[in-house]
N, C-alpha and C. Protein backbone atom coordinates (compact mmCIF):
# COMPACT_ATOMS: atom_id res chain seq x y z
N UNK A 1 -13.29 -3.96 9.99
CA UNK A 1 -13.87 -3.51 11.33
C UNK A 1 -13.18 -2.26 11.83
N UNK A 2 -11.89 -2.14 11.55
CA UNK A 2 -11.11 -0.97 11.94
C UNK A 2 -11.75 0.19 11.12
N UNK A 3 -12.23 0.12 9.75
CA UNK A 3 -12.70 1.48 9.09
C UNK A 3 -14.00 1.56 9.78
N UNK A 4 -14.81 0.64 10.09
CA UNK A 4 -16.19 1.00 10.64
C UNK A 4 -16.05 1.63 12.02
N UNK A 5 -15.07 1.53 12.75
CA UNK A 5 -14.83 2.15 13.96
C UNK A 5 -14.18 3.62 13.80
N UNK A 6 -13.37 3.83 12.77
CA UNK A 6 -12.63 5.13 12.87
C UNK A 6 -12.83 5.89 11.60
N UNK A 7 -13.32 5.30 10.53
CA UNK A 7 -13.66 5.94 9.24
C UNK A 7 -12.25 6.28 8.32
N UNK A 8 -12.56 7.18 7.47
CA UNK A 8 -11.47 7.72 6.69
C UNK A 8 -10.43 8.57 7.55
N UNK A 9 -9.31 8.51 7.21
CA UNK A 9 -8.24 9.33 7.67
C UNK A 9 -8.41 10.80 7.74
N UNK A 10 -8.33 11.49 8.81
CA UNK A 10 -8.62 12.91 8.96
C UNK A 10 -7.28 13.50 9.36
N UNK A 11 -6.76 14.54 8.69
CA UNK A 11 -5.52 15.05 8.76
C UNK A 11 -5.87 16.59 9.15
N UNK A 12 -5.02 17.13 10.10
CA UNK A 12 -5.21 18.54 10.68
C UNK A 12 -4.43 19.49 9.80
N UNK A 13 -4.78 20.75 9.81
CA UNK A 13 -4.07 21.76 9.03
C UNK A 13 -2.36 21.66 9.04
N UNK A 14 -2.02 21.09 10.02
CA UNK A 14 -0.38 21.06 10.17
C UNK A 14 -0.02 19.71 9.54
N UNK A 15 -0.99 18.92 9.09
CA UNK A 15 -0.62 17.76 8.33
C UNK A 15 -0.51 16.53 9.35
N UNK A 16 -1.02 16.51 10.50
CA UNK A 16 -0.81 15.47 11.32
C UNK A 16 -2.28 14.63 11.39
N UNK A 17 -2.01 13.33 11.44
CA UNK A 17 -3.12 12.54 11.34
C UNK A 17 -3.88 12.64 12.70
N UNK A 18 -5.36 12.77 12.68
CA UNK A 18 -6.12 12.98 13.88
C UNK A 18 -6.75 11.66 14.14
N UNK A 19 -7.43 11.09 13.23
CA UNK A 19 -8.22 9.91 13.46
C UNK A 19 -8.46 9.18 12.22
N UNK A 20 -8.61 7.88 12.21
CA UNK A 20 -9.03 7.30 10.78
C UNK A 20 -8.04 6.23 10.48
N UNK A 21 -8.26 5.73 9.36
CA UNK A 21 -7.64 4.41 8.75
C UNK A 21 -6.70 4.87 7.83
N UNK A 22 -5.20 4.42 8.08
CA UNK A 22 -4.18 4.66 7.13
C UNK A 22 -3.57 3.23 6.99
N UNK A 23 -3.59 2.65 5.69
CA UNK A 23 -3.23 1.46 5.35
C UNK A 23 -1.76 1.43 4.85
N UNK A 24 -0.92 0.82 5.30
CA UNK A 24 0.55 0.55 4.88
C UNK A 24 0.76 -0.62 4.04
N UNK A 25 1.21 -0.51 2.81
CA UNK A 25 1.08 -1.79 1.93
C UNK A 25 2.75 -1.88 1.52
N UNK A 26 3.31 -3.04 1.84
CA UNK A 26 4.71 -3.21 1.50
C UNK A 26 4.61 -4.00 0.07
N UNK A 27 5.25 -3.25 -0.98
CA UNK A 27 5.25 -3.91 -2.28
C UNK A 27 6.39 -5.08 -2.20
N UNK A 28 6.14 -6.11 -2.61
CA UNK A 28 6.86 -7.34 -2.76
C UNK A 28 7.53 -7.66 -4.25
N UNK A 29 8.71 -8.31 -4.61
CA UNK A 29 9.04 -8.53 -5.75
C UNK A 29 7.99 -9.50 -6.47
N UNK A 30 8.02 -9.40 -7.94
CA UNK A 30 7.13 -10.20 -8.69
C UNK A 30 5.63 -10.16 -8.29
N UNK A 31 5.16 -9.03 -7.85
CA UNK A 31 3.90 -8.74 -7.52
C UNK A 31 3.36 -9.70 -6.39
N UNK A 32 4.17 -10.28 -5.59
CA UNK A 32 3.72 -11.27 -4.57
C UNK A 32 2.99 -10.62 -3.61
N UNK A 33 2.79 -9.19 -3.37
CA UNK A 33 2.02 -8.71 -2.31
C UNK A 33 0.50 -8.50 -2.66
N UNK A 34 0.26 -8.78 -4.02
CA UNK A 34 -1.20 -8.82 -4.57
C UNK A 34 -1.62 -7.40 -4.49
N UNK A 35 -0.94 -6.38 -4.93
CA UNK A 35 -1.18 -4.98 -4.81
C UNK A 35 -2.48 -4.62 -5.46
N UNK A 36 -2.74 -5.19 -6.71
CA UNK A 36 -3.90 -4.86 -7.59
C UNK A 36 -5.11 -5.39 -6.78
N UNK A 37 -5.08 -6.60 -6.11
CA UNK A 37 -6.27 -6.93 -5.31
C UNK A 37 -6.52 -6.34 -4.05
N UNK A 38 -5.33 -5.88 -3.56
CA UNK A 38 -5.59 -5.15 -2.26
C UNK A 38 -6.12 -3.87 -2.46
N UNK A 39 -5.66 -3.14 -3.60
CA UNK A 39 -6.22 -1.78 -4.05
C UNK A 39 -7.79 -1.95 -4.37
N UNK A 40 -8.05 -2.89 -5.10
CA UNK A 40 -9.49 -3.19 -5.45
C UNK A 40 -10.37 -3.45 -4.12
N UNK A 41 -9.76 -4.21 -3.21
CA UNK A 41 -10.77 -4.44 -2.04
C UNK A 41 -10.87 -3.26 -1.24
N UNK A 42 -9.71 -2.33 -1.16
CA UNK A 42 -9.75 -1.12 -0.30
C UNK A 42 -10.84 -0.17 -0.95
N UNK A 43 -10.76 -0.02 -2.34
CA UNK A 43 -11.57 0.94 -2.99
C UNK A 43 -13.06 0.41 -3.12
N UNK A 44 -13.26 -0.91 -3.13
CA UNK A 44 -14.66 -1.36 -3.32
C UNK A 44 -15.26 -1.72 -1.98
N UNK A 45 -14.50 -2.36 -1.15
CA UNK A 45 -15.05 -2.72 0.14
C UNK A 45 -15.08 -2.02 1.31
N UNK A 46 -14.07 -1.14 1.29
CA UNK A 46 -13.67 -0.32 2.50
C UNK A 46 -14.14 1.17 2.13
N UNK A 47 -13.29 1.76 1.39
CA UNK A 47 -13.71 3.30 1.13
C UNK A 47 -12.74 3.70 0.00
N UNK A 48 -13.33 4.33 -1.22
CA UNK A 48 -12.38 4.71 -2.24
C UNK A 48 -11.49 5.94 -1.66
N UNK A 49 -11.82 6.48 -0.39
CA UNK A 49 -11.09 7.61 0.23
C UNK A 49 -9.90 7.11 1.26
N UNK A 50 -9.67 5.55 1.15
CA UNK A 50 -8.67 5.05 1.99
C UNK A 50 -7.41 5.61 1.78
N UNK A 51 -6.67 6.09 2.82
CA UNK A 51 -5.43 6.56 2.70
C UNK A 51 -4.36 5.49 2.57
N UNK A 52 -3.71 5.24 1.50
CA UNK A 52 -2.82 4.17 1.34
C UNK A 52 -1.24 4.54 1.01
N UNK A 53 -0.45 4.01 2.09
CA UNK A 53 0.85 4.25 2.00
C UNK A 53 1.53 3.09 1.20
N UNK A 54 2.04 3.32 -0.08
CA UNK A 54 2.62 2.34 -0.97
C UNK A 54 4.06 2.39 -0.75
N UNK A 55 4.67 1.27 0.08
CA UNK A 55 5.99 1.36 0.52
C UNK A 55 7.04 0.42 -0.43
N UNK A 56 8.25 0.87 -0.63
CA UNK A 56 9.10 0.21 -1.47
C UNK A 56 10.30 -0.23 -0.71
N UNK A 57 10.18 -0.36 0.51
CA UNK A 57 11.35 -0.68 1.53
C UNK A 57 11.71 -2.22 1.62
N UNK A 58 11.07 -2.98 0.89
CA UNK A 58 11.34 -4.50 1.09
C UNK A 58 12.74 -4.74 0.61
N UNK A 59 13.42 -5.39 1.58
CA UNK A 59 14.68 -5.90 1.53
C UNK A 59 14.85 -7.36 1.76
N UNK A 60 15.34 -8.35 1.09
CA UNK A 60 15.47 -9.57 1.51
C UNK A 60 16.34 -9.89 2.67
N UNK A 61 15.93 -10.76 3.66
CA UNK A 61 16.65 -10.92 4.83
C UNK A 61 16.49 -12.24 5.37
N UNK A 62 17.03 -12.70 6.40
CA UNK A 62 16.95 -13.70 7.07
C UNK A 62 16.86 -15.13 6.10
N UNK A 63 15.77 -15.71 5.92
CA UNK A 63 15.76 -16.96 4.99
C UNK A 63 15.13 -16.60 3.52
N UNK A 64 15.22 -15.43 3.26
CA UNK A 64 14.70 -15.00 1.92
C UNK A 64 15.40 -15.77 0.80
N UNK A 65 16.76 -16.15 0.99
CA UNK A 65 17.57 -16.80 0.00
C UNK A 65 16.99 -18.19 -0.15
N UNK A 66 16.02 -18.70 0.47
CA UNK A 66 15.59 -20.07 0.33
C UNK A 66 14.36 -19.96 -0.69
N UNK A 67 13.88 -18.61 -0.81
CA UNK A 67 12.85 -18.38 -1.78
C UNK A 67 13.27 -17.47 -2.88
N UNK A 68 13.58 -17.85 -4.01
CA UNK A 68 14.18 -17.12 -5.12
C UNK A 68 13.28 -15.99 -5.51
N UNK A 69 12.03 -16.14 -5.43
CA UNK A 69 11.20 -14.93 -5.75
C UNK A 69 11.11 -13.93 -4.76
N UNK A 70 11.68 -14.15 -3.67
CA UNK A 70 11.71 -13.04 -2.62
C UNK A 70 13.19 -12.42 -2.29
N UNK A 71 14.09 -13.14 -3.01
CA UNK A 71 15.50 -12.96 -2.72
C UNK A 71 16.14 -11.72 -3.51
N UNK A 72 15.27 -10.72 -3.52
CA UNK A 72 15.85 -9.37 -4.33
C UNK A 72 15.01 -8.27 -3.74
N UNK A 73 15.39 -7.15 -3.70
CA UNK A 73 14.62 -5.71 -3.68
C UNK A 73 13.73 -5.71 -4.81
N UNK A 74 12.57 -4.82 -4.52
CA UNK A 74 11.85 -4.43 -5.69
C UNK A 74 12.34 -3.70 -6.75
N UNK A 75 12.11 -3.61 -7.95
CA UNK A 75 12.49 -2.67 -8.93
C UNK A 75 11.55 -1.39 -8.88
N UNK A 76 12.29 -0.21 -9.38
CA UNK A 76 11.43 1.02 -9.49
C UNK A 76 10.11 0.75 -10.34
N UNK A 77 10.24 -0.16 -11.32
CA UNK A 77 9.16 -0.55 -12.23
C UNK A 77 7.99 -1.15 -11.43
N UNK A 78 8.46 -2.17 -10.60
CA UNK A 78 7.32 -2.81 -9.51
C UNK A 78 6.66 -1.91 -8.79
N UNK A 79 7.42 -0.90 -8.18
CA UNK A 79 6.84 0.17 -7.29
C UNK A 79 5.84 1.05 -8.11
N UNK A 80 6.22 1.32 -9.25
CA UNK A 80 5.39 2.24 -10.17
C UNK A 80 4.10 1.55 -10.49
N UNK A 81 4.29 0.23 -10.96
CA UNK A 81 3.15 -0.62 -11.15
C UNK A 81 2.17 -0.73 -9.91
N UNK A 82 2.65 -0.84 -8.69
CA UNK A 82 1.85 -0.81 -7.50
C UNK A 82 0.95 0.42 -7.46
N UNK A 83 1.80 1.59 -7.44
CA UNK A 83 1.02 2.88 -7.46
C UNK A 83 0.10 3.04 -8.68
N UNK A 84 0.45 2.61 -9.71
CA UNK A 84 -0.60 2.75 -10.96
C UNK A 84 -1.89 1.75 -10.65
N UNK A 85 -1.62 0.66 -9.93
CA UNK A 85 -2.70 -0.22 -9.66
C UNK A 85 -3.66 0.38 -8.58
N UNK A 86 -3.04 1.19 -7.70
CA UNK A 86 -3.93 1.79 -6.67
C UNK A 86 -4.85 2.87 -7.42
N UNK A 87 -4.05 3.60 -8.24
CA UNK A 87 -4.90 4.74 -9.01
C UNK A 87 -5.93 4.22 -9.83
N UNK A 88 -5.44 3.10 -10.61
CA UNK A 88 -6.57 2.53 -11.61
C UNK A 88 -7.77 1.93 -10.87
N UNK A 89 -7.48 1.61 -9.57
CA UNK A 89 -8.74 1.13 -8.79
C UNK A 89 -9.53 2.11 -8.02
N UNK A 90 -9.04 3.41 -8.23
CA UNK A 90 -9.88 4.41 -7.69
C UNK A 90 -9.36 5.10 -6.50
N UNK A 91 -8.30 4.79 -5.88
CA UNK A 91 -7.71 5.07 -4.90
C UNK A 91 -6.88 6.42 -5.19
N UNK A 92 -7.18 7.61 -4.28
CA UNK A 92 -6.40 8.90 -4.73
C UNK A 92 -5.66 9.36 -3.66
N UNK A 93 -5.88 8.88 -2.21
CA UNK A 93 -5.16 9.47 -1.32
C UNK A 93 -3.98 8.55 -0.96
N UNK A 94 -2.93 8.89 -1.80
CA UNK A 94 -1.69 7.87 -1.77
C UNK A 94 -0.49 8.54 -1.19
N UNK A 95 0.17 7.83 -0.32
CA UNK A 95 1.47 8.29 0.05
C UNK A 95 2.64 7.28 -0.53
N UNK A 96 3.41 7.83 -1.40
CA UNK A 96 4.36 6.96 -2.02
C UNK A 96 5.63 7.00 -1.43
N UNK A 97 6.09 5.99 -0.67
CA UNK A 97 7.32 5.91 0.19
C UNK A 97 8.43 5.38 -0.66
N UNK A 98 9.69 6.22 -0.76
CA UNK A 98 10.73 5.83 -1.49
C UNK A 98 11.86 5.71 -0.43
């Protein structure tokens, strides 16, 4: 619905977003964020021009220790695999946050 209302992200010559959809996706350990499926959905159901921010800032906090699969930061390899999944699904407008 948001995409229908605002369309693809438009950036002015100074690099500032003017209007449009920007998706921020937080990568989780063990591929729990479902990045491959998210990328496929965005590219095929929303727009292959979707601007995707692939974030690696996940840090376990609060009750994460109760869930072993979430009780660690992501690895550089997991982040790279998430970026690769976005590219393989046809997304090209990526911001890779480190």
